[in-house]
C-alpha atoms as a PDB file:
ATOM      1  CA  MET A   1     104.099  91.846  87.753  1.00  0.00           C
ATOM      2  CA  THR A   2     101.331  94.459  87.761  1.00  0.00           C
ATOM      3  CA  LYS A   3     100.069  96.329  90.814  1.00  0.00           C
ATOM      4  CA  GLU A   4      96.907  94.221  90.702  1.00  0.00           C
ATOM      5  CA  ASP A   5      99.048  91.066  90.820  1.00  0.00           C
ATOM      6  CA  LEU A   6     101.010  92.468  93.764  1.00  0.00           C
ATOM      7  CA  ILE A   7      97.793  93.264  95.608  1.00  0.00           C
ATOM      8  CA  GLU A   8      96.368  89.784  95.021  1.00  0.00           C
ATOM      9  CA  ASP A   9      99.659  88.110  95.980  1.00  0.00           C
ATOM     10  CA  THR A  10      99.879  90.159  99.168  1.00  0.00           C
ATOM     11  CA  ARG A  11      96.252  89.373 100.049  1.00  0.00           C
ATOM     12  CA  ARG A  12      96.907  85.651  99.627  1.00  0.00           C
ATOM     13  CA  LYS A  13     100.027  85.846 101.792  1.00  0.00           C
ATOM     14  CA  MET A  14      98.136  87.828 104.411  1.00  0.00           C
ATOM     15  CA  ILE A  15      95.313  85.266 104.590  1.00  0.00           C
ATOM     16  CA  ILE A  16      97.854  82.462 105.016  1.00  0.00           C
ATOM     17  CA  SER A  17      99.705  84.443 107.679  1.00  0.00           C
ATOM     18  CA  ILE A  18      96.457  85.095 109.582  1.00  0.00           C
ATOM     19  CA  LYS A  19      95.548  81.394 109.461  1.00  0.00           C
ATOM     20  CA  GLU A  20      99.017  80.331 110.626  1.00  0.00           C
ATOM     21  CA  ASN A  21      99.953  83.116 113.029  1.00  0.00           C
ATOM     22  CA  GLY A  22      96.853  85.124 113.907  1.00  0.00           C
ATOM     23  CA  TYR A  23      95.971  88.754 113.312  1.00  0.00           C
ATOM     24  CA  MET A  24      98.610  90.329 115.505  1.00  0.00           C
ATOM     25  CA  SER A  25     101.696  88.553 114.205  1.00  0.00           C
ATOM     26  CA  LYS A  26     104.540  90.693 112.912  1.00  0.00           C
ATOM     27  CA  ARG A  27     104.284  89.128 109.422  1.00  0.00           C
ATOM     28  CA  THR A  28     100.535  89.752 109.164  1.00  0.00           C
ATOM     29  CA  ILE A  29     100.963  93.374 110.225  1.00  0.00           C
ATOM     30  CA  GLN A  30     103.765  93.849 107.688  1.00  0.00           C
ATOM     31  CA  LEU A  31     101.652  92.362 104.882  1.00  0.00           C
ATOM     32  CA  SER A  32      98.717  94.546 105.908  1.00  0.00           C
ATOM     33  CA  GLN A  33     100.918  97.640 105.663  1.00  0.00           C
ATOM     34  CA  GLU A  34     102.201  96.563 102.233  1.00  0.00           C
ATOM     35  CA  LEU A  35      98.633  96.059 101.069  1.00  0.00           C
ATOM     36  CA  ASP A  36      97.688  99.530 102.330  1.00  0.00           C
ATOM     37  CA  VAL A  37     100.578 101.043 100.354  1.00  0.00           C
ATOM     38  CA  TYR A  38      99.601  99.203  97.141  1.00  0.00           C
ATOM     39  CA  ILE A  39      95.976 100.273  97.491  1.00  0.00           C
ATOM     40  CA  LEU A  40      96.927 103.910  98.143  1.00  0.00           C
ATOM     41  CA  GLU A  41      99.149 103.857  95.060  1.00  0.00           C
ATOM     42  CA  GLN A  42      96.273 102.449  92.993  1.00  0.00           C
ATOM     43  CA  GLN A  43      93.972 105.189  94.282  1.00  0.00           C
ATOM     44  CA  LYS A  44      96.525 107.885  93.377  1.00  0.00           C
ATOM     45  CA  ILE A  45      96.833 106.458  89.854  1.00  0.00           C
ATOM     46  CA  GLY A  46      93.035 106.409  89.544  1.00  0.00           C
ATOM     47  CA  MET A  47      92.758 110.021  90.686  1.00  0.00           C
ATOM     48  CA  GLU A  48      95.436 111.107  88.211  1.00  0.00           C
ATOM     49  CA  LEU A  49      93.544 109.397  85.384  1.00  0.00           C
ATOM     50  CA  LEU A  50      90.323 111.151  86.423  1.00  0.00           C
ATOM     51  CA  ARG A  51      92.090 114.533  86.520  1.00  0.00           C
ATOM     52  CA  LYS A  52      93.606 113.912  83.089  1.00  0.00           C
ATOM     53  CA  LYS A  53      90.215 112.921  81.655  1.00  0.00           C
ATOM     54  CA  ARG A  54      88.617 116.029  83.148  1.00  0.00           C
ATOM     55  CA  ARG A  55      91.373 118.262  81.706  1.00  0.00           C
ATOM     56  CA  ASP A  56      90.984 116.609  78.315  1.00  0.00           C
ATOM     57  CA  CYS A  57      87.210 117.100  78.365  1.00  0.00           C
ATOM     58  CA  LEU A  58      87.474 120.742  79.413  1.00  0.00           C
ATOM     59  CA  GLY A  59      90.076 121.270  76.729  1.00  0.00           C
END
């Protein structure tokens, strides 16, 4: 499962949890934190790729 799949799966679970339990339920908060972690990891990967591209271009 890719990071994108994990993000989408977590978003789906979070939407279901909000519908069933509301915004402040323990499960919703946990899923929100997981989603934050996945997104931060994606951003770090993106920044690393940009740095690598810049290094490659500057030679």
